[in-house]
C-alpha atoms as a PDB file:
ATOM      1  CA  MET A   1     -44.086  25.770  -0.435  1.00  0.00           C
ATOM      2  CA  ARG A   2     -43.666  22.848   1.038  1.00  0.00           C
ATOM      3  CA  PHE A   3     -40.209  22.057  -0.679  1.00  0.00           C
ATOM      4  CA  PHE A   4     -38.905  25.222  -0.384  1.00  0.00           C
ATOM      5  CA  ILE A   5     -38.950  24.413   3.556  1.00  0.00           C
ATOM      6  CA  VAL A   6     -37.729  20.983   2.885  1.00  0.00           C
ATOM      7  CA  ALA A   7     -34.788  22.584   0.667  1.00  0.00           C
ATOM      8  CA  LEU A   8     -34.465  25.575   3.703  1.00  0.00           C
ATOM      9  CA  ALA A   9     -34.269  22.449   5.940  1.00  0.00           C
ATOM     10  CA  ALA A  10     -31.534  20.365   4.530  1.00  0.00           C
ATOM     11  CA  LEU A  11     -29.356  23.643   3.660  1.00  0.00           C
ATOM     12  CA  SER A  12     -29.444  24.187   7.658  1.00  0.00           C
ATOM     13  CA  VAL A  13     -28.227  20.695   8.452  1.00  0.00           C
ATOM     14  CA  PHE A  14     -24.820  20.974   6.270  1.00  0.00           C
ATOM     15  CA  SER A  15     -21.720  22.846   7.220  1.00  0.00           C
ATOM     16  CA  CYS A  16     -20.792  25.623   3.977  1.00  0.00           C
ATOM     17  CA  GLY A  17     -18.289  26.908   5.879  1.00  0.00           C
ATOM     18  CA  THR A  18     -14.143  26.154   5.199  1.00  0.00           C
ATOM     19  CA  ALA A  19     -11.665  24.392   7.991  1.00  0.00           C
ATOM     20  CA  SER A  20      -8.846  26.476   9.322  1.00  0.00           C
ATOM     21  CA  GLY A  21      -5.249  25.369   9.538  1.00  0.00           C
ATOM     22  CA  ASP A  22      -5.707  23.273  12.315  1.00  0.00           C
ATOM     23  CA  GLN A  23      -8.879  20.515  11.294  1.00  0.00           C
ATOM     24  CA  ARG A  24      -6.639  20.052   8.173  1.00  0.00           C
ATOM     25  CA  GLU A  25      -6.597  16.322   7.194  1.00  0.00           C
ATOM     26  CA  GLN A  26      -2.303  15.545   7.168  1.00  0.00           C
ATOM     27  CA  VAL A  27      -1.563  13.082   4.341  1.00  0.00           C
ATOM     28  CA  SER A  28       1.460  10.699   5.116  1.00  0.00           C
ATOM     29  CA  PRO A  29       4.952  11.411   2.902  1.00  0.00           C
ATOM     30  CA  ILE A  30       5.341   7.860   2.954  1.00  0.00           C
ATOM     31  CA  GLU A  31       2.334   7.284   0.441  1.00  0.00           C
ATOM     32  CA  THR A  32       3.960   7.657  -2.386  1.00  0.00           C
ATOM     33  CA  PRO A  33       6.840   5.719  -3.502  1.00  0.00           C
ATOM     34  CA  LEU A  34       8.407   9.484  -4.360  1.00  0.00           C
ATOM     35  CA  ALA A  35       8.690  10.194  -1.249  1.00  0.00           C
ATOM     36  CA  VAL A  36      10.769   7.818  -0.170  1.00  0.00           C
ATOM     37  CA  ASN A  37      14.709   7.769   0.076  1.00  0.00           C
ATOM     38  CA  LEU A  38      15.899   6.326  -3.229  1.00  0.00           C
ATOM     39  CA  GLU A  39      19.313   5.349  -1.383  1.00  0.00           C
ATOM     40  CA  ASN A  40      16.585   2.519  -0.314  1.00  0.00           C
ATOM     41  CA  VAL A  41      16.414   1.144  -3.528  1.00  0.00           C
ATOM     42  CA  GLU A  42      17.613  -2.508  -4.070  1.00  0.00           C
ATOM     43  CA  LYS A  43      17.156  -5.438  -6.512  1.00  0.00           C
ATOM     44  CA  ILE A  44      16.203  -8.934  -4.109  1.00  0.00           C
ATOM     45  CA  THR A  45      15.543 -11.984  -6.150  1.00  0.00           C
ATOM     46  CA  GLY A  46      12.859 -13.996  -4.791  1.00  0.00           C
ATOM     47  CA  MET A  47       8.872 -15.403  -5.356  1.00  0.00           C
ATOM     48  CA  VAL A  48       5.359 -14.082  -4.842  1.00  0.00           C
ATOM     49  CA  GLN A  49       4.162 -15.955  -2.046  1.00  0.00           C
ATOM     50  CA  ILE A  50       0.175 -15.196  -0.949  1.00  0.00           C
ATOM     51  CA  TYR A  51      -0.571 -15.224   2.581  1.00  0.00           C
ATOM     52  CA  GLY A  52      -3.839 -15.121   5.337  1.00  0.00           C
ATOM     53  CA  ASN A  53      -6.901 -17.368   4.208  1.00  0.00           C
ATOM     54  CA  GLU A  54      -9.802 -14.932   1.548  1.00  0.00           C
ATOM     55  CA  PRO A  55     -11.430 -12.657   2.420  1.00  0.00           C
ATOM     56  CA  HIS A  56      -8.008 -11.510   4.599  1.00  0.00           C
ATOM     57  CA  THR A  57      -5.287 -12.294   2.018  1.00  0.00           C
ATOM     58  CA  PHE A  58      -1.953 -10.104   1.772  1.00  0.00           C
ATOM     59  CA  VAL A  59       0.846 -10.618  -0.951  1.00  0.00           C
ATOM     60  CA  GLY A  60       4.339 -10.885   0.122  1.00  0.00           C
ATOM     61  CA  ILE A  61       7.970 -11.837  -1.227  1.00  0.00           C
ATOM     62  CA  VAL A  62      10.271 -14.734  -0.241  1.00  0.00           C
ATOM     63  CA  GLU A  63      13.891 -14.803  -0.898  1.00  0.00           C
ATOM     64  CA  GLY A  64      15.547 -18.048  -1.697  1.00  0.00           C
ATOM     65  CA  ASN A  65      17.080 -17.526   1.867  1.00  0.00           C
ATOM     66  CA  GLY A  66      13.657 -17.422   3.524  1.00  0.00           C
ATOM     67  CA  THR A  67      13.557 -13.472   3.998  1.00  0.00           C
ATOM     68  CA  GLU A  68      10.034 -12.299   4.024  1.00  0.00           C
ATOM     69  CA  TYR A  69       8.844  -9.135   2.576  1.00  0.00           C
ATOM     70  CA  ALA A  70       5.332  -7.604   3.044  1.00  0.00           C
ATOM     71  CA  VAL A  71       4.758  -5.652  -0.384  1.00  0.00           C
ATOM     72  CA  TYR A  72       2.802  -1.966   0.535  1.00  0.00           C
ATOM     73  CA  PRO A  73       1.093  -0.411  -1.416  1.00  0.00           C
ATOM     74  CA  ARG A  74      -2.238  -2.653  -1.826  1.00  0.00           C
ATOM     75  CA  SER A  75      -2.763  -1.721  -5.385  1.00  0.00           C
ATOM     76  CA  SER A  76       0.504  -2.911  -5.944  1.00  0.00           C
ATOM     77  CA  GLU A  77      -0.132  -7.013  -4.464  1.00  0.00           C
ATOM     78  CA  ASP A  78      -3.530  -6.702  -7.191  1.00  0.00           C
ATOM     79  CA  ASP A  79      -0.289  -7.553  -9.868  1.00  0.00           C
ATOM     80  CA  LEU A  80       1.966  -9.637  -8.285  1.00  0.00           C
ATOM     81  CA  ARG A  81      -0.870 -11.803  -7.398  1.00  0.00           C
ATOM     82  CA  LYS A  82      -0.543 -12.894 -11.003  1.00  0.00           C
ATOM     83  CA  LEU A  83       3.336 -14.260 -10.843  1.00  0.00           C
ATOM     84  CA  GLN A  84       3.134 -16.334  -8.161  1.00  0.00           C
ATOM     85  CA  GLY A  85       5.205 -19.282  -8.585  1.00  0.00           C
ATOM     86  CA  HIS A  86       7.931 -17.514 -11.036  1.00  0.00           C
ATOM     87  CA  LEU A  87      11.334 -16.836  -9.588  1.00  0.00           C
ATOM     88  CA  ILE A  88      11.404 -12.532 -10.089  1.00  0.00           C
ATOM     89  CA  GLU A  89      14.293 -10.211  -9.413  1.00  0.00           C
ATOM     90  CA  PHE A  90      12.147  -7.435  -8.167  1.00  0.00           C
ATOM     91  CA  THR A  91      13.398  -3.117  -8.056  1.00  0.00           C
ATOM     92  CA  VAL A  92      12.057  -2.511  -4.853  1.00  0.00           C
ATOM     93  CA  ILE A  93      11.911   0.661  -2.514  1.00  0.00           C
ATOM     94  CA  PHE A  94      12.397  -0.165   1.555  1.00  0.00           C
ATOM     95  CA  LEU A  95      10.220   1.208   3.486  1.00  0.00           C
ATOM     96  CA  ASP A  96      11.798   3.181   7.030  1.00  0.00           C
ATOM     97  CA  GLU A  97       8.763   2.135   8.643  1.00  0.00           C
ATOM     98  CA  PRO A  98       5.865  -1.246   8.336  1.00  0.00           C
ATOM     99  CA  ARG A  99       2.853  -0.215   6.073  1.00  0.00           C
ATOM    100  CA  GLY A 100       0.110  -2.489   5.654  1.00  0.00           C
ATOM    101  CA  GLU A 101      -1.415  -6.015   6.815  1.00  0.00           C
ATOM    102  CA  GLY A 102       1.945  -8.423   5.925  1.00  0.00           C
ATOM    103  CA  SER A 103       4.227  -6.019   8.103  1.00  0.00           C
ATOM    104  CA  LEU A 104       1.824  -7.366  11.720  1.00  0.00           C
ATOM    105  CA  TYR A 105       3.251 -10.799   9.926  1.00  0.00           C
ATOM    106  CA  LEU A 106       6.519 -10.501   7.513  1.00  0.00           C
ATOM    107  CA  LYS A 107       9.537  -9.591   9.394  1.00  0.00           C
ATOM    108  CA  GLY A 108      11.830  -9.179   6.838  1.00  0.00           C
ATOM    109  CA  GLY A 109      10.747  -4.986   5.840  1.00  0.00           C
ATOM    110  CA  THR A 110       7.706  -3.387   3.382  1.00  0.00           C
ATOM    111  CA  VAL A 111       8.443  -3.115  -0.045  1.00  0.00           C
ATOM    112  CA  THR A 112       7.294  -1.392  -2.916  1.00  0.00           C
ATOM    113  CA  PRO A 113       8.178  -2.886  -6.344  1.00  0.00           C
ATOM    114  CA  LEU A 114       8.909  -1.072  -8.864  1.00  0.00           C
ATOM    115  CA  GLY A 115       9.693  -3.146 -11.754  1.00  0.00           C
ATOM    116  CA  TRP A 116      10.166  -7.025 -12.062  1.00  0.00           C
ATOM    117  CA  GLU A 117      12.147  -9.425 -14.468  1.00  0.00           C
ATOM    118  CA  ILE A 118      10.315 -12.676 -14.731  1.00  0.00           C
ATOM    119  CA  ILE A 119      13.676 -15.019 -14.179  1.00  0.00           C
ATOM    120  CA  ARG A 120      11.744 -18.560 -14.574  1.00  0.00           C
END
């Protein structure tokens, strides 16, 4: 009997309804590279640079002329960390608006890497 009362009490605490149209979560279309204008795809040549101090680090790409680009999304940063110290030709999408922590500090723009080729 005690289990039955506890089960009823637990069910009354949690809502079983669905959200109405006004309460739905809005998802930003820029979260995926497919939503970005393909005219923004370019090649840049540079090196991977790690900025900040652990545990608050972020990855950027630095061109030979000193222009620094923020990398978004964070999952791309994990792959690029291994490439630090190499000169690389990146194929990237330039995002229309700043994204991620790196965009607060790196003023060359925000890019999403699509691929890369190590030059040296």
